[in-house]
Amino acid sequence: MKKAVKILLCVLIVLVVIFIAAPHGKTNYLFIGVDNYGSLNNTGRSDTILLVHLDFDHHKVGLVTFARDLLLDYNNTDTKINTIIRLGGEEALVSTIENNFDIDINGWFRLNFSSLVSIIDEIGGVEVELTDAEAKYIDHSIGKYPTNPLSEGPCRLNGGQALSYVRCRRLDNDFGRGNRQSKLVKALIKESRSMGVFRIMDLYNNMKHAWRSNLTNAEQFRLLFSCIFLRHAEVTRVGIPFEHMYQYKSSSSGDNGVAIYLEKTVEALHDAIKF
């Protein structure tokens, strides 16, 4: 009887600790992929822009991709979204997205080509469902890996293959590329489900040189710990612009880009992702 009581008390203590430690609320983080290799300080365009919405109360993750040719109001001028980081840095890109889409962003992470390759290889690859055209494109763009062949269906991509996959738009357009970027993130979330907590922490310690962030190391560590609770979350992906909510136009600076119907887009975005 005493043993049963002790076991019950231990279970209750564990449940209380989990409840206290479990994160609550909603937060948003911007992941910026810059088109260069090597140093994260090198200037480049932010050709990958991914907003990650974490809803701990409803156990949901929202992924929002922004087309690189999107024209947004920046300093009262229609400006391509992928050039804003060059003009004003990460904070300028964050504030532009916040102001245009009525979203609060809690932090940003900057990565580049080298970052993605290193992270995927450190994990041991990631499994993604490929079309026949995607498999052939990757093999053609970077060469075949005899030990890591690709074909239509589920394939485990190494770092180089994953980079080629998310950069591809020759098969379709920026909409297709945004979808591939989201599929890779979903695959990474799925990959984390088979990892123990200590393995995840070890990966973080080994790879934290691969990105730059406005969050402190302590804040990043707390965020990582919080995300462990979302490994089995429902994932929703949307891409900006939405279908039938944009037109092609030239900006005042002469850039050709995608102009969105902003009011309708913001309404549709907040309806899809409950910020």
Protein backbone atom coordinates (compact mmCIF):
# COMPACT_ATOMS: atom_id res chain seq x y z
CA MET A 1 0.00 0.00 0.00
CA LYS A 2 2.81 2.39 0.96
CA LYS A 3 4.61 1.57 -2.28
CA ALA A 4 1.48 2.37 -4.31
CA VAL A 5 1.12 5.71 -2.51
CA LYS A 6 4.76 6.60 -3.24
CA ILE A 7 4.32 5.75 -6.92
CA LEU A 8 1.16 7.86 -7.06
CA LEU A 9 2.95 10.79 -5.41
CA CYS A 10 5.83 10.51 -7.89
CA VAL A 11 3.42 10.53 -10.81
CA LEU A 12 1.63 13.59 -9.41
CA ILE A 13 4.93 15.41 -8.91
CA VAL A 14 5.99 14.67 -12.50
CA LEU A 15 2.64 15.90 -13.82
CA VAL A 16 2.90 19.11 -11.79
CA VAL A 17 6.45 19.73 -13.05
CA ILE A 18 5.37 19.15 -16.65
CA PHE A 19 2.39 21.47 -16.21
CA ILE A 20 4.56 24.22 -14.74
CA ALA A 21 7.35 23.80 -17.28
CA ALA A 22 5.04 23.47 -20.28
CA PRO A 23 4.96 26.73 -22.26
CA HIS A 24 1.74 28.66 -22.81
CA GLY A 25 0.56 31.35 -25.18
CA LYS A 26 1.52 32.18 -28.77
CA THR A 27 4.79 33.42 -30.26
CA ASN A 28 6.11 34.18 -33.75
CA TYR A 29 9.65 33.88 -35.12
CA LEU A 30 11.04 34.90 -38.50
CA PHE A 31 13.57 32.63 -40.23
CA ILE A 32 15.58 34.44 -42.89
CA GLY A 33 17.53 32.43 -45.46
CA VAL A 34 20.20 34.54 -47.16
CA ASP A 35 21.53 33.52 -50.57
CA ASN A 36 25.23 32.99 -49.86
CA TYR A 37 27.70 30.52 -48.40
CA GLY A 38 30.29 31.03 -45.68
CA SER A 39 30.02 33.84 -43.14
CA LEU A 40 26.58 34.81 -41.85
CA ASN A 41 27.76 38.43 -41.98
CA ASN A 42 28.05 38.39 -45.78
CA THR A 43 25.52 40.60 -47.53
CA GLY A 44 22.85 38.80 -49.50
CA ARG A 45 19.18 38.78 -50.43
CA SER A 46 16.72 37.04 -48.17
CA ASP A 47 15.36 34.64 -50.77
CA THR A 48 13.79 32.44 -48.09
CA ILE A 49 11.50 34.15 -45.59
CA LEU A 50 9.55 31.87 -43.26
CA LEU A 51 7.38 32.97 -40.35
CA VAL A 52 6.85 30.26 -37.73
CA HIS A 53 3.83 30.65 -35.45
CA LEU A 54 3.90 28.61 -32.23
CA ASP A 55 0.58 28.10 -30.47
CA PHE A 56 1.33 26.23 -27.26
CA ASP A 57 -2.22 26.44 -25.88
CA HIS A 58 -3.79 24.72 -28.90
CA HIS A 59 -0.75 22.58 -29.78
CA LYS A 60 -0.42 24.02 -33.30
CA VAL A 61 2.38 25.27 -35.53
CA GLY A 62 1.76 27.69 -38.40
CA LEU A 63 4.21 28.14 -41.29
CA VAL A 64 3.94 31.24 -43.49
CA THR A 65 6.19 31.56 -46.53
CA PHE A 66 6.63 34.86 -48.37
CA ALA A 67 7.43 34.89 -52.10
CA ARG A 68 10.78 36.57 -52.71
CA ASP A 69 9.33 38.92 -55.38
CA LEU A 70 6.62 40.22 -53.05
CA LEU A 71 6.29 44.02 -53.10
CA LEU A 72 5.70 45.56 -49.65
CA ASP A 73 5.57 49.08 -48.30
CA TYR A 74 9.02 49.91 -46.91
CA ASN A 75 9.72 53.54 -46.07
CA ASN A 76 6.66 54.56 -48.14
CA THR A 77 8.05 52.80 -51.22
CA ASP A 78 7.00 49.54 -52.88
CA THR A 79 10.06 47.36 -52.28
CA LYS A 80 10.85 43.73 -53.03
CA ILE A 81 10.77 41.85 -49.76
CA ASN A 82 14.02 39.99 -50.48
CA THR A 83 16.01 43.25 -50.76
CA ILE A 84 14.86 44.84 -47.48
CA ILE A 85 17.51 43.04 -45.43
CA ARG A 86 20.17 44.63 -47.64
CA LEU A 87 18.65 48.07 -47.19
CA GLY A 88 18.04 48.04 -43.45
CA GLY A 89 19.02 44.70 -41.92
CA GLU A 90 16.98 42.05 -40.14
CA GLU A 91 15.09 44.48 -37.91
CA ALA A 92 13.88 46.41 -40.96
CA LEU A 93 12.52 43.20 -42.50
CA VAL A 94 10.84 42.24 -39.23
CA SER A 95 9.17 45.63 -38.79
CA THR A 96 8.05 45.68 -42.44
CA ILE A 97 6.29 42.33 -42.06
CA GLU A 98 4.82 43.38 -38.70
CA ASN A 99 3.47 46.65 -40.12
CA ASN A 100 2.09 45.20 -43.36
CA PHE A 101 0.50 42.06 -41.91
CA ASP A 102 -0.47 43.16 -38.37
CA ILE A 103 1.72 40.54 -36.68
CA ASP A 104 4.02 40.76 -33.65
CA ILE A 105 7.32 38.95 -34.20
CA ASN A 106 9.20 37.83 -31.08
CA GLY A 107 12.58 37.19 -32.67
CA TRP A 108 14.49 36.39 -35.85
CA PHE A 109 17.04 33.81 -37.02
CA ARG A 110 19.38 34.35 -39.97
CA LEU A 111 20.76 31.37 -41.87
CA ASN A 112 22.49 30.85 -45.22
CA PHE A 113 23.20 28.00 -47.63
CA SER A 114 26.05 26.67 -45.48
CA SER A 115 23.76 26.68 -42.43
CA LEU A 116 21.15 24.45 -44.00
CA VAL A 117 23.68 21.96 -45.36
CA SER A 118 25.45 21.69 -41.98
CA ILE A 119 22.23 21.31 -39.97
CA ILE A 120 20.72 18.61 -42.22
CA ASP A 121 23.98 16.65 -42.31
CA GLU A 122 24.36 16.90 -38.52
CA ILE A 123 20.86 15.47 -38.10
CA GLY A 124 21.70 12.62 -40.44
CA GLY A 125 19.47 13.70 -43.31
CA VAL A 126 15.74 14.27 -43.54
CA GLU A 127 13.02 12.29 -45.33
CA VAL A 128 10.92 14.14 -47.92
CA GLU A 129 8.39 12.87 -50.46
CA LEU A 130 9.78 13.74 -53.91
CA THR A 131 8.13 13.85 -57.29
CA ASP A 132 9.98 12.26 -60.19
CA ALA A 133 10.72 15.74 -61.56
CA GLU A 134 12.12 16.93 -58.22
CA ALA A 135 14.39 13.89 -57.87
CA LYS A 136 15.75 14.39 -61.39
CA TYR A 137 16.21 18.13 -60.82
CA ILE A 138 18.28 17.59 -57.66
CA ASP A 139 20.47 14.97 -59.33
CA HIS A 140 20.97 17.25 -62.34
CA SER A 141 21.71 20.39 -60.32
CA ILE A 142 24.27 18.99 -57.87
CA GLY A 143 25.13 15.57 -59.24
CA LYS A 144 24.09 12.11 -58.09
CA TYR A 145 25.21 10.67 -54.75
CA PRO A 146 25.84 6.93 -55.31
CA THR A 147 25.30 6.24 -51.61
CA ASN A 148 22.17 8.40 -51.47
CA PRO A 149 20.13 7.79 -54.67
CA LEU A 150 16.92 9.71 -55.31
CA SER A 151 13.71 8.66 -57.03
CA GLU A 152 10.01 9.38 -56.91
CA GLY A 153 8.59 8.77 -53.44
CA PRO A 154 10.03 9.08 -49.91
CA CYS A 155 13.76 9.89 -50.04
CA ARG A 156 16.26 10.75 -47.34
CA LEU A 157 18.02 13.95 -48.40
CA ASN A 158 21.47 14.93 -47.23
CA GLY A 159 22.39 18.58 -46.70
CA GLY A 160 23.34 19.35 -50.30
CA GLN A 161 20.25 17.64 -51.68
CA ALA A 162 17.99 19.44 -49.20
CA LEU A 163 19.45 22.81 -50.22
CA SER A 164 18.87 22.06 -53.90
CA TYR A 165 15.32 20.94 -53.09
CA VAL A 166 14.28 24.13 -51.26
CA ARG A 167 15.95 26.44 -53.79
CA CYS A 168 14.31 24.84 -56.82
CA ARG A 169 11.81 26.96 -58.74
CA ARG A 170 12.61 25.97 -62.32
CA LEU A 171 10.03 23.20 -62.14
CA ASP A 172 7.27 25.68 -61.33
CA ASN A 173 7.62 29.06 -59.58
CA ASP A 174 8.00 30.77 -56.20
CA PHE A 175 4.74 29.23 -55.04
CA GLY A 176 6.14 25.75 -55.60
CA ARG A 177 9.39 26.70 -53.91
CA GLY A 178 7.53 28.02 -50.87
CA ASN A 179 5.64 24.75 -50.65
CA ARG A 180 8.91 22.79 -50.78
CA GLN A 181 10.39 24.94 -48.01
CA SER A 182 7.38 24.23 -45.82
CA LYS A 183 7.56 20.51 -46.59
CA LEU A 184 11.18 20.47 -45.44
CA VAL A 185 10.30 22.22 -42.17
CA LYS A 186 7.46 19.74 -41.59
CA ALA A 187 9.90 16.92 -42.26
CA LEU A 188 12.34 18.36 -39.72
CA ILE A 189 9.57 18.56 -37.11
CA LYS A 190 8.69 14.93 -37.85
CA GLU A 191 12.38 13.99 -37.60
CA SER A 192 12.57 15.52 -34.12
CA ARG A 193 9.86 13.14 -32.85
CA SER A 194 12.29 10.23 -32.91
CA MET A 195 14.99 12.18 -31.04
CA GLY A 196 15.43 12.18 -27.30
CA VAL A 197 15.67 15.45 -25.40
CA PHE A 198 19.41 15.04 -24.84
CA ARG A 199 19.97 14.41 -28.57
CA ILE A 200 18.09 17.62 -29.42
CA MET A 201 20.11 19.61 -26.88
CA ASP A 202 23.32 18.11 -28.25
CA LEU A 203 22.35 19.13 -31.78
CA TYR A 204 21.70 22.66 -30.57
CA ASN A 205 25.09 22.90 -28.89
CA ASN A 206 26.87 21.52 -31.97
CA MET A 207 25.06 23.71 -34.49
CA LYS A 208 24.36 27.07 -32.78
CA HIS A 209 27.21 28.57 -34.82
CA ALA A 210 25.15 27.94 -37.97
CA TRP A 211 22.72 30.80 -37.42
CA ARG A 212 22.55 34.34 -36.10
CA SER A 213 19.71 35.66 -33.97
CA ASN A 214 18.58 38.67 -31.95
CA LEU A 215 17.72 36.25 -29.12
CA THR A 216 20.30 35.62 -26.41
CA ASN A 217 21.69 32.10 -25.94
CA ALA A 218 19.49 31.70 -22.86
CA GLU A 219 16.39 32.80 -24.81
CA GLN A 220 17.22 30.42 -27.66
CA PHE A 221 17.70 27.54 -25.22
CA ARG A 222 14.32 28.26 -23.57
CA LEU A 223 12.68 28.41 -27.00
CA LEU A 224 14.22 25.08 -27.97
CA PHE A 225 12.99 23.51 -24.74
CA SER A 226 9.50 24.93 -25.39
CA CYS A 227 9.43 23.56 -28.94
CA ILE A 228 9.96 20.03 -27.61
CA PHE A 229 6.34 20.22 -26.45
CA LEU A 230 5.23 20.88 -30.06
CA ARG A 231 6.91 17.91 -31.76
CA HIS A 232 3.52 16.28 -32.35
CA ALA A 233 1.64 19.51 -33.07
CA GLU A 234 -0.75 20.06 -35.95
CA VAL A 235 1.12 21.96 -38.69
CA THR A 236 -0.62 24.43 -41.01
CA ARG A 237 1.14 26.04 -43.98
CA VAL A 238 0.10 29.06 -46.03
CA GLY A 239 1.96 30.98 -48.70
CA ILE A 240 1.85 34.70 -49.42
CA PRO A 241 0.54 35.75 -51.89
CA PHE A 242 -2.72 33.85 -51.72
CA GLU A 243 -4.28 32.68 -54.97
CA HIS A 244 -6.33 35.39 -56.72
CA MET A 245 -5.13 38.03 -54.23
CA TYR A 246 -2.26 39.56 -56.18
CA GLN A 247 -1.18 41.10 -59.45
CA TYR A 248 2.15 41.60 -61.18
CA LYS A 249 3.34 45.20 -61.36
CA SER A 250 6.37 47.45 -61.50
CA SER A 251 7.37 49.37 -58.39
CA SER A 252 8.30 53.05 -58.34
CA SER A 253 11.96 51.97 -58.41
CA GLY A 254 11.37 49.94 -61.57
CA ASP A 255 11.39 46.48 -59.98
CA ASN A 256 8.95 43.93 -61.35
CA GLY A 257 7.23 42.08 -58.54
CA VAL A 258 4.06 40.74 -56.97
CA ALA A 259 1.66 43.27 -55.47
CA ILE A 260 -0.87 41.80 -53.05
CA TYR A 261 -4.36 42.98 -52.21
CA LEU A 262 -3.21 43.80 -48.72
CA GLU A 263 -6.49 44.07 -46.80
CA LYS A 264 -7.85 40.79 -48.20
CA THR A 265 -4.49 39.08 -47.68
CA VAL A 266 -4.21 40.13 -44.03
CA GLU A 267 -7.76 38.95 -43.37
CA ALA A 268 -7.12 35.58 -45.05
CA LEU A 269 -3.78 35.16 -43.25
CA HIS A 270 -5.24 35.79 -39.81
CA ASP A 271 -8.12 33.48 -40.61
CA ALA A 272 -5.73 30.66 -41.56
CA ILE A 273 -3.22 31.26 -38.75
CA LYS A 274 -4.84 32.40 -35.50
CA PHE A 275 -2.23 34.91 -34.37
